[in-house]
């Protein structure tokens, strides 16, 4: 099973400007992400960026880089451009690892690629279960419900499934016997889906929820999803996140 890891890396972060180039124990963040992804079974790892400063750093540590347009509105659009520029076959597999996740386990990357390769889905992703009521009710935490065949039925910022009696109580309480699934932001794609995705207009549900994976479900495609085989440490969005990760390398 051959697959490619693509790491989208922009400097335009609002909460932590220039974060992909920030230092983590003597190496820029993007290098940490690249090296971690290289521990997987991927046949190739490359960074997709629209900024020459990022590209130069990647070249300096010996990584592969693909320059992309600055006009992309989503990471998926950037992936599709890379797939086209690299001449990846329609049935090739691509795993998207975010440029702010220097602790992404290699086993999780391999799991996602394997799931995609052995399923008939055009896209795959992962979840972790949670019993934290604050997370379940938090609109910044994306939840997912699945069917019996490990396919995503729906993604939402709302608490799904909605436990009417428990969530309407004051205060809300966690329903017994219900498994809540927190979506994890790592994706695998067949390249042919990427080419179709960028040709589709944003779906109504995608615009409401601000979740681009809903575009795939809207057009009737299956998304394979199962529990991650290892815990995925949080990415880096704030100074506090950065300090926490830096401390792990001391």
Protein backbone atom coordinates (compact mmCIF):
# COMPACT_ATOMS: atom_id res chain seq x y z
CA UNK A 1 0.00 0.00 0.00
CA UNK A 2 1.61 3.23 -1.18
CA UNK A 3 0.45 6.62 -0.02
CA UNK A 4 1.65 10.22 0.08
CA UNK A 5 1.55 12.53 3.08
CA UNK A 6 0.91 16.18 2.24
CA UNK A 7 1.41 18.82 4.94
CA UNK A 8 -0.33 22.15 4.17
CA UNK A 9 1.68 24.95 5.80
CA UNK A 10 0.71 28.62 5.77
CA UNK A 11 2.08 31.55 7.74
CA UNK A 12 -1.28 33.29 8.04
CA UNK A 13 -2.39 31.96 11.43
CA UNK A 14 -4.41 34.59 13.29
CA UNK A 15 -4.02 33.26 16.84
CA UNK A 16 -0.32 32.41 16.53
CA UNK A 17 1.24 34.28 13.58
CA UNK A 18 3.92 32.43 11.66
CA UNK A 19 3.46 29.37 13.86
CA UNK A 20 4.76 26.75 11.42
CA UNK A 21 8.21 28.37 11.62
CA UNK A 22 8.29 28.80 15.39
CA UNK A 23 11.06 26.99 17.23
CA UNK A 24 10.46 23.72 19.07
CA UNK A 25 13.65 22.59 20.81
CA UNK A 26 15.97 23.82 18.09
CA UNK A 27 13.86 22.93 15.06
CA UNK A 28 11.04 24.85 13.33
CA UNK A 29 7.59 23.39 13.88
CA UNK A 30 7.21 22.39 10.23
CA UNK A 31 10.38 20.29 10.50
CA UNK A 32 9.00 18.51 13.57
CA UNK A 33 5.79 17.74 11.67
CA UNK A 34 7.72 16.58 8.61
CA UNK A 35 10.01 14.31 10.61
CA UNK A 36 7.08 12.80 12.48
CA UNK A 37 5.19 12.12 9.25
CA UNK A 38 8.34 10.55 7.80
CA UNK A 39 8.19 7.90 10.54
CA UNK A 40 5.04 6.55 8.88
CA UNK A 41 5.01 4.11 5.97
CA UNK A 42 4.37 6.90 3.47
CA UNK A 43 6.20 6.54 0.17
CA UNK A 44 6.59 10.31 0.06
CA UNK A 45 6.14 13.28 2.40
CA UNK A 46 5.94 16.84 1.14
CA UNK A 47 4.98 20.28 2.37
CA UNK A 48 2.45 22.41 0.45
CA UNK A 49 2.88 26.15 0.97
CA UNK A 50 2.24 29.48 -0.71
CA UNK A 51 5.07 31.23 1.13
CA UNK A 52 8.68 31.15 -0.04
CA UNK A 53 9.89 31.59 3.56
CA UNK A 54 8.31 28.28 4.52
CA UNK A 55 9.61 26.64 1.36
CA UNK A 56 13.17 27.76 2.06
CA UNK A 57 13.08 26.35 5.58
CA UNK A 58 11.80 23.03 4.27
CA UNK A 59 14.54 22.88 1.64
CA UNK A 60 17.14 23.72 4.29
CA UNK A 61 16.32 20.64 6.36
CA UNK A 62 16.13 18.47 3.23
CA UNK A 63 12.38 18.18 2.91
CA UNK A 64 10.28 18.18 -0.25
CA UNK A 65 8.10 21.19 -0.94
CA UNK A 66 5.44 22.11 -3.49
CA UNK A 67 4.57 25.77 -4.03
CA UNK A 68 0.84 26.41 -4.33
CA UNK A 69 -1.44 29.35 -5.04
CA UNK A 70 -2.16 31.83 -2.26
CA UNK A 71 -5.85 32.02 -3.21
CA UNK A 72 -7.01 28.68 -1.81
CA UNK A 73 -9.94 28.95 0.57
CA UNK A 74 -9.41 25.53 2.13
CA UNK A 75 -6.72 22.98 2.81
CA UNK A 76 -8.49 20.53 0.52
CA UNK A 77 -8.10 22.92 -2.42
CA UNK A 78 -4.38 23.12 -1.67
CA UNK A 79 -4.10 19.31 -1.56
CA UNK A 80 -5.76 19.02 -4.94
CA UNK A 81 -3.31 21.46 -6.50
CA UNK A 82 -0.39 19.45 -5.12
CA UNK A 83 -1.88 16.20 -6.42
CA UNK A 84 -2.25 17.78 -9.86
CA UNK A 85 1.24 19.31 -9.87
CA UNK A 86 2.82 16.06 -8.72
CA UNK A 87 0.93 14.07 -11.33
CA UNK A 88 -0.56 11.67 -8.78
CA UNK A 89 -2.78 9.00 -10.30
CA UNK A 90 -6.53 9.15 -9.80
CA UNK A 91 -6.45 6.08 -7.54
CA UNK A 92 -3.46 7.32 -5.50
CA UNK A 93 -3.93 7.78 -1.74
CA UNK A 94 -3.15 11.04 0.04
CA UNK A 95 -3.08 11.66 3.79
CA UNK A 96 -3.39 15.23 4.99
CA UNK A 97 -1.38 15.99 8.15
CA UNK A 98 -1.77 19.53 9.47
CA UNK A 99 1.33 21.70 9.71
CA UNK A 100 0.70 22.47 13.38
CA UNK A 101 0.65 18.86 14.64
CA UNK A 102 4.26 17.95 15.49
CA UNK A 103 3.16 15.04 17.70
CA UNK A 104 0.97 13.16 15.21
CA UNK A 105 1.63 9.44 15.82
CA UNK A 106 2.99 7.58 12.79
CA UNK A 107 0.71 4.64 13.66
CA UNK A 108 -2.34 6.86 13.21
CA UNK A 109 -1.16 8.00 9.78
CA UNK A 110 -0.65 4.38 8.76
CA UNK A 111 -4.06 3.40 10.17
CA UNK A 112 -5.83 6.07 8.15
CA UNK A 113 -4.07 5.11 4.92
CA UNK A 114 -4.82 1.41 5.51
CA UNK A 115 -8.50 2.15 6.19
CA UNK A 116 -8.77 4.11 2.97
CA UNK A 117 -6.98 1.45 0.95
CA UNK A 118 -9.16 -1.42 2.17
CA UNK A 119 -12.53 0.35 2.11
CA UNK A 120 -14.57 1.39 -0.90
CA UNK A 121 -14.78 4.95 0.41
CA UNK A 122 -13.20 7.86 -1.39
CA UNK A 123 -12.28 9.54 1.89
CA UNK A 124 -11.36 8.46 5.42
CA UNK A 125 -10.91 10.09 8.79
CA UNK A 126 -10.81 9.20 12.52
CA UNK A 127 -12.48 9.95 15.82
CA UNK A 128 -11.93 9.49 19.53
CA UNK A 129 -14.66 8.83 22.07
CA UNK A 130 -15.31 11.39 24.78
CA UNK A 131 -17.35 11.51 27.97
CA UNK A 132 -16.46 15.15 28.69
CA UNK A 133 -19.78 17.01 28.73
CA UNK A 134 -18.02 20.34 28.18
CA UNK A 135 -16.48 19.01 24.95
CA UNK A 136 -19.77 17.53 23.80
CA UNK A 137 -21.53 20.87 24.23
CA UNK A 138 -18.61 22.96 22.87
CA UNK A 139 -19.26 24.17 19.29
CA UNK A 140 -15.49 24.31 18.69
CA UNK A 141 -15.35 20.52 19.15
CA UNK A 142 -16.70 18.73 16.08
CA UNK A 143 -18.80 15.65 16.77
CA UNK A 144 -19.64 12.82 14.39
CA UNK A 145 -22.24 10.06 14.27
CA UNK A 146 -21.55 6.84 12.36
CA UNK A 147 -23.38 3.84 10.97
CA UNK A 148 -22.78 0.12 11.53
CA UNK A 149 -20.36 -0.05 8.58
CA UNK A 150 -17.91 2.55 9.94
CA UNK A 151 -19.19 5.30 7.70
CA UNK A 152 -19.84 8.87 8.83
CA UNK A 153 -23.50 9.83 8.84
CA UNK A 154 -23.04 13.47 9.85
CA UNK A 155 -20.55 15.89 11.38
CA UNK A 156 -21.72 18.78 13.54
CA UNK A 157 -20.61 21.41 15.99
CA UNK A 158 -23.80 20.61 17.89
CA UNK A 159 -23.94 17.75 20.41
CA UNK A 160 -25.01 14.75 18.32
CA UNK A 161 -26.83 12.52 18.99
CA UNK A 162 -29.03 14.98 20.87
CA UNK A 163 -30.13 13.43 24.16
CA UNK A 164 -33.40 15.30 24.55
CA UNK A 165 -34.13 14.63 28.21
CA UNK A 166 -30.55 14.88 29.45
CA UNK A 167 -29.42 17.94 27.52
CA UNK A 168 -32.66 19.81 28.29
CA UNK A 169 -32.17 19.29 32.03
CA UNK A 170 -30.84 22.10 34.20
CA UNK A 171 -27.95 21.68 34.37
CA UNK A 172 -27.44 19.44 31.31
CA UNK A 173 -26.18 15.95 32.12
CA UNK A 174 -24.33 13.26 30.23
CA UNK A 175 -26.75 10.58 28.97
CA UNK A 176 -26.07 7.02 30.10
CA UNK A 177 -25.15 4.40 27.52
CA UNK A 178 -24.45 6.84 24.67
CA UNK A 179 -21.03 6.97 22.99
CA UNK A 180 -20.00 10.43 21.83
CA UNK A 181 -17.40 10.70 19.11
CA UNK A 182 -15.07 13.65 18.75
CA UNK A 183 -13.86 14.09 15.20
CA UNK A 184 -10.09 14.28 14.68
CA UNK A 185 -8.80 16.55 11.93
CA UNK A 186 -6.74 14.10 9.92
CA UNK A 187 -8.01 13.00 6.51
CA UNK A 188 -7.20 10.54 3.77
CA UNK A 189 -8.37 10.98 0.18
CA UNK A 190 -8.33 9.18 -3.11
CA UNK A 191 -6.97 11.71 -5.57
CA UNK A 192 -9.97 11.41 -7.87
CA UNK A 193 -12.16 12.69 -5.04
CA UNK A 194 -9.91 15.73 -4.60
CA UNK A 195 -10.39 16.61 -8.26
CA UNK A 196 -14.16 16.33 -7.94
CA UNK A 197 -14.25 18.15 -4.59
CA UNK A 198 -12.74 21.37 -5.95
CA UNK A 199 -15.28 21.38 -8.80
CA UNK A 200 -18.22 21.23 -6.41
CA UNK A 201 -19.63 24.46 -4.98
CA UNK A 202 -19.79 24.66 -1.17
CA UNK A 203 -22.76 22.65 0.10
CA UNK A 204 -25.55 24.32 2.11
CA UNK A 205 -24.79 22.22 5.21
CA UNK A 206 -21.09 23.00 4.86
CA UNK A 207 -21.83 26.72 4.87
CA UNK A 208 -24.04 26.44 7.95
CA UNK A 209 -21.68 24.30 10.04
CA UNK A 210 -18.42 25.65 8.55
CA UNK A 211 -17.25 22.05 8.02
CA UNK A 212 -15.99 21.30 4.52
CA UNK A 213 -16.22 17.49 4.93
CA UNK A 214 -19.99 17.93 4.74
CA UNK A 215 -19.52 18.76 1.05
CA UNK A 216 -18.45 15.16 0.51
CA UNK A 217 -21.51 13.72 2.28
CA UNK A 218 -23.80 16.18 0.50
CA UNK A 219 -22.71 14.72 -2.83
CA UNK A 220 -23.40 11.16 -1.72
CA UNK A 221 -19.83 10.00 -1.14
CA UNK A 222 -18.91 7.76 1.79
CA UNK A 223 -16.40 8.77 4.46
CA UNK A 224 -14.85 5.82 6.31
CA UNK A 225 -14.27 6.56 9.99
CA UNK A 226 -13.14 4.60 13.03
CA UNK A 227 -11.54 5.22 16.40
CA UNK A 228 -7.90 6.28 16.25
CA UNK A 229 -5.52 3.50 17.31
CA UNK A 230 -3.56 5.94 19.48
CA UNK A 231 -4.38 9.19 21.21
CA UNK A 232 -3.57 12.19 19.04
CA UNK A 233 -2.05 15.04 21.05
CA UNK A 234 -3.68 18.42 20.39
CA UNK A 235 -2.20 20.64 17.71
CA UNK A 236 -0.69 24.05 18.34
CA UNK A 237 -3.03 27.03 18.10
CA UNK A 238 -1.95 29.27 20.98
CA UNK A 239 1.13 30.33 22.94
CA UNK A 240 -0.01 27.99 25.71
CA UNK A 241 -0.14 25.06 23.27
CA UNK A 242 3.34 25.92 22.05
CA UNK A 243 4.74 26.07 25.59
CA UNK A 244 3.18 22.70 26.39
CA UNK A 245 4.74 21.01 23.37
CA UNK A 246 8.11 22.65 23.90
CA UNK A 247 8.14 21.28 27.43
CA UNK A 248 7.82 17.73 26.08
CA UNK A 249 11.16 18.08 24.28
CA UNK A 250 13.11 19.24 27.35
